[in-house]
Amino acid sequence: MSKNAYQLTDRDKETISALTLEFVTELDLHYDDEDMHALASSFVVVKDAVALLQRCNAHMNPDISAVIGRFNRSRQ
């Protein structure tokens, strides 16, 4: 890690988690299963946010995982 690297605070982690939840909630509300394929690039960002939260041992709302699961199932 670089000497000047910023350390995420608990508030930063909460903000990332809340923004991710708001984003996936909007995707979940506005897209039917058959249209979820159009969200592939959005879910790359969501999955990156989840990975960041996991690396930081931050709380993640289980609804985020549920929507990711819905996206994954729609692509099968």
C-alpha atoms as a PDB file:
ATOM      1  CA  MET A   1       0.000   0.000   0.000  1.00  0.00           C
ATOM      2  CA  SER A   2       1.323   3.432  -0.817  1.00  0.00           C
ATOM      3  CA  LYS A   3       2.356   5.744   1.969  1.00  0.00           C
ATOM      4  CA  ASN A   4      -0.444   8.179   1.149  1.00  0.00           C
ATOM      5  CA  ALA A   5      -3.196   5.622   0.569  1.00  0.00           C
ATOM      6  CA  TYR A   6      -6.538   6.580   2.007  1.00  0.00           C
ATOM      7  CA  GLN A   7      -8.014   4.227   4.578  1.00  0.00           C
ATOM      8  CA  LEU A   8     -11.764   3.772   4.303  1.00  0.00           C
ATOM      9  CA  THR A   9     -13.618   4.823   7.412  1.00  0.00           C
ATOM     10  CA  ASP A  10     -16.664   3.003   8.729  1.00  0.00           C
ATOM     11  CA  ARG A  11     -18.755   5.875   7.359  1.00  0.00           C
ATOM     12  CA  ASP A  12     -17.163   5.405   3.905  1.00  0.00           C
ATOM     13  CA  LYS A  13     -18.039   1.711   3.999  1.00  0.00           C
ATOM     14  CA  GLU A  14     -21.615   2.487   5.063  1.00  0.00           C
ATOM     15  CA  THR A  15     -21.921   4.982   2.219  1.00  0.00           C
ATOM     16  CA  ILE A  16     -20.650   2.509  -0.389  1.00  0.00           C
ATOM     17  CA  SER A  17     -23.006  -0.140   0.960  1.00  0.00           C
ATOM     18  CA  ALA A  18     -25.983   2.230   0.950  1.00  0.00           C
ATOM     19  CA  LEU A  19     -25.258   3.464  -2.582  1.00  0.00           C
ATOM     20  CA  THR A  20     -24.886  -0.099  -3.829  1.00  0.00           C
ATOM     21  CA  LEU A  21     -28.185  -1.067  -2.194  1.00  0.00           C
ATOM     22  CA  GLU A  22     -29.981   1.941  -3.697  1.00  0.00           C
ATOM     23  CA  PHE A  23     -28.583   1.129  -7.139  1.00  0.00           C
ATOM     24  CA  VAL A  24     -29.493  -2.560  -7.140  1.00  0.00           C
ATOM     25  CA  THR A  25     -32.927  -1.759  -5.712  1.00  0.00           C
ATOM     26  CA  GLU A  26     -33.616   0.555  -8.651  1.00  0.00           C
ATOM     27  CA  LEU A  27     -32.385  -2.076 -11.107  1.00  0.00           C
ATOM     28  CA  ASP A  28     -34.544  -4.694  -9.411  1.00  0.00           C
ATOM     29  CA  LEU A  29     -37.651  -2.500  -9.521  1.00  0.00           C
ATOM     30  CA  HIS A  30     -37.339  -1.326 -13.108  1.00  0.00           C
ATOM     31  CA  TYR A  31     -36.168  -4.407 -15.002  1.00  0.00           C
ATOM     32  CA  ASP A  32     -37.991  -7.655 -15.656  1.00  0.00           C
ATOM     33  CA  ASP A  33     -36.023 -10.902 -15.602  1.00  0.00           C
ATOM     34  CA  GLU A  34     -35.956 -11.148 -19.383  1.00  0.00           C
ATOM     35  CA  ASP A  35     -34.420  -7.652 -19.621  1.00  0.00           C
ATOM     36  CA  MET A  36     -31.719  -8.132 -16.987  1.00  0.00           C
ATOM     37  CA  HIS A  37     -29.198  -9.134 -19.685  1.00  0.00           C
ATOM     38  CA  ALA A  38     -29.002  -5.459 -20.643  1.00  0.00           C
ATOM     39  CA  LEU A  39     -27.541  -4.686 -17.217  1.00  0.00           C
ATOM     40  CA  ALA A  40     -24.348  -6.724 -17.554  1.00  0.00           C
ATOM     41  CA  SER A  41     -22.035  -3.695 -17.335  1.00  0.00           C
ATOM     42  CA  SER A  42     -23.964  -2.319 -14.367  1.00  0.00           C
ATOM     43  CA  PHE A  43     -23.601  -5.592 -12.520  1.00  0.00           C
ATOM     44  CA  VAL A  44     -19.844  -5.585 -13.111  1.00  0.00           C
ATOM     45  CA  VAL A  45     -19.781  -2.354 -11.083  1.00  0.00           C
ATOM     46  CA  VAL A  46     -22.104  -3.811  -8.442  1.00  0.00           C
ATOM     47  CA  LYS A  47     -19.935  -6.906  -8.088  1.00  0.00           C
ATOM     48  CA  ASP A  48     -16.827  -4.701  -7.788  1.00  0.00           C
ATOM     49  CA  ALA A  49     -18.515  -2.753  -4.983  1.00  0.00           C
ATOM     50  CA  VAL A  50     -19.431  -6.002  -3.235  1.00  0.00           C
ATOM     51  CA  ALA A  51     -15.835  -7.227  -3.534  1.00  0.00           C
ATOM     52  CA  LEU A  52     -14.596  -3.956  -2.032  1.00  0.00           C
ATOM     53  CA  LEU A  53     -17.027  -4.252   0.869  1.00  0.00           C
ATOM     54  CA  GLN A  54     -15.949  -7.835   1.454  1.00  0.00           C
ATOM     55  CA  ARG A  55     -12.246  -6.902   1.430  1.00  0.00           C
ATOM     56  CA  CYS A  56     -13.011  -4.239   4.043  1.00  0.00           C
ATOM     57  CA  ASN A  57     -15.092  -6.654   6.142  1.00  0.00           C
ATOM     58  CA  ALA A  58     -17.957  -4.197   5.818  1.00  0.00           C
ATOM     59  CA  HIS A  59     -21.622  -4.952   6.337  1.00  0.00           C
ATOM     60  CA  MET A  60     -23.521  -5.658   3.153  1.00  0.00           C
ATOM     61  CA  ASN A  61     -27.287  -5.705   3.030  1.00  0.00           C
ATOM     62  CA  PRO A  62     -28.466  -9.210   2.026  1.00  0.00           C
ATOM     63  CA  ASP A  63     -30.805  -7.661  -0.543  1.00  0.00           C
ATOM     64  CA  ILE A  64     -27.728  -6.817  -2.631  1.00  0.00           C
ATOM     65  CA  SER A  65     -26.829 -10.495  -2.865  1.00  0.00           C
ATOM     66  CA  ALA A  66     -30.447 -11.365  -3.652  1.00  0.00           C
ATOM     67  CA  VAL A  67     -30.545  -8.992  -6.633  1.00  0.00           C
ATOM     68  CA  ILE A  68     -27.165 -10.240  -7.875  1.00  0.00           C
ATOM     69  CA  GLY A  69     -28.595 -13.762  -7.649  1.00  0.00           C
ATOM     70  CA  ARG A  70     -31.610 -12.691  -9.686  1.00  0.00           C
ATOM     71  CA  PHE A  71     -29.310 -11.209 -12.318  1.00  0.00           C
ATOM     72  CA  ASN A  72     -27.189 -14.374 -12.417  1.00  0.00           C
ATOM     73  CA  ARG A  73     -30.278 -16.602 -12.766  1.00  0.00           C
ATOM     74  CA  SER A  74     -31.620 -14.458 -15.596  1.00  0.00           C
ATOM     75  CA  ARG A  75     -28.441 -15.101 -17.594  1.00  0.00           C
ATOM     76  CA  GLN A  76     -28.711 -18.904 -17.421  1.00  0.00           C
END
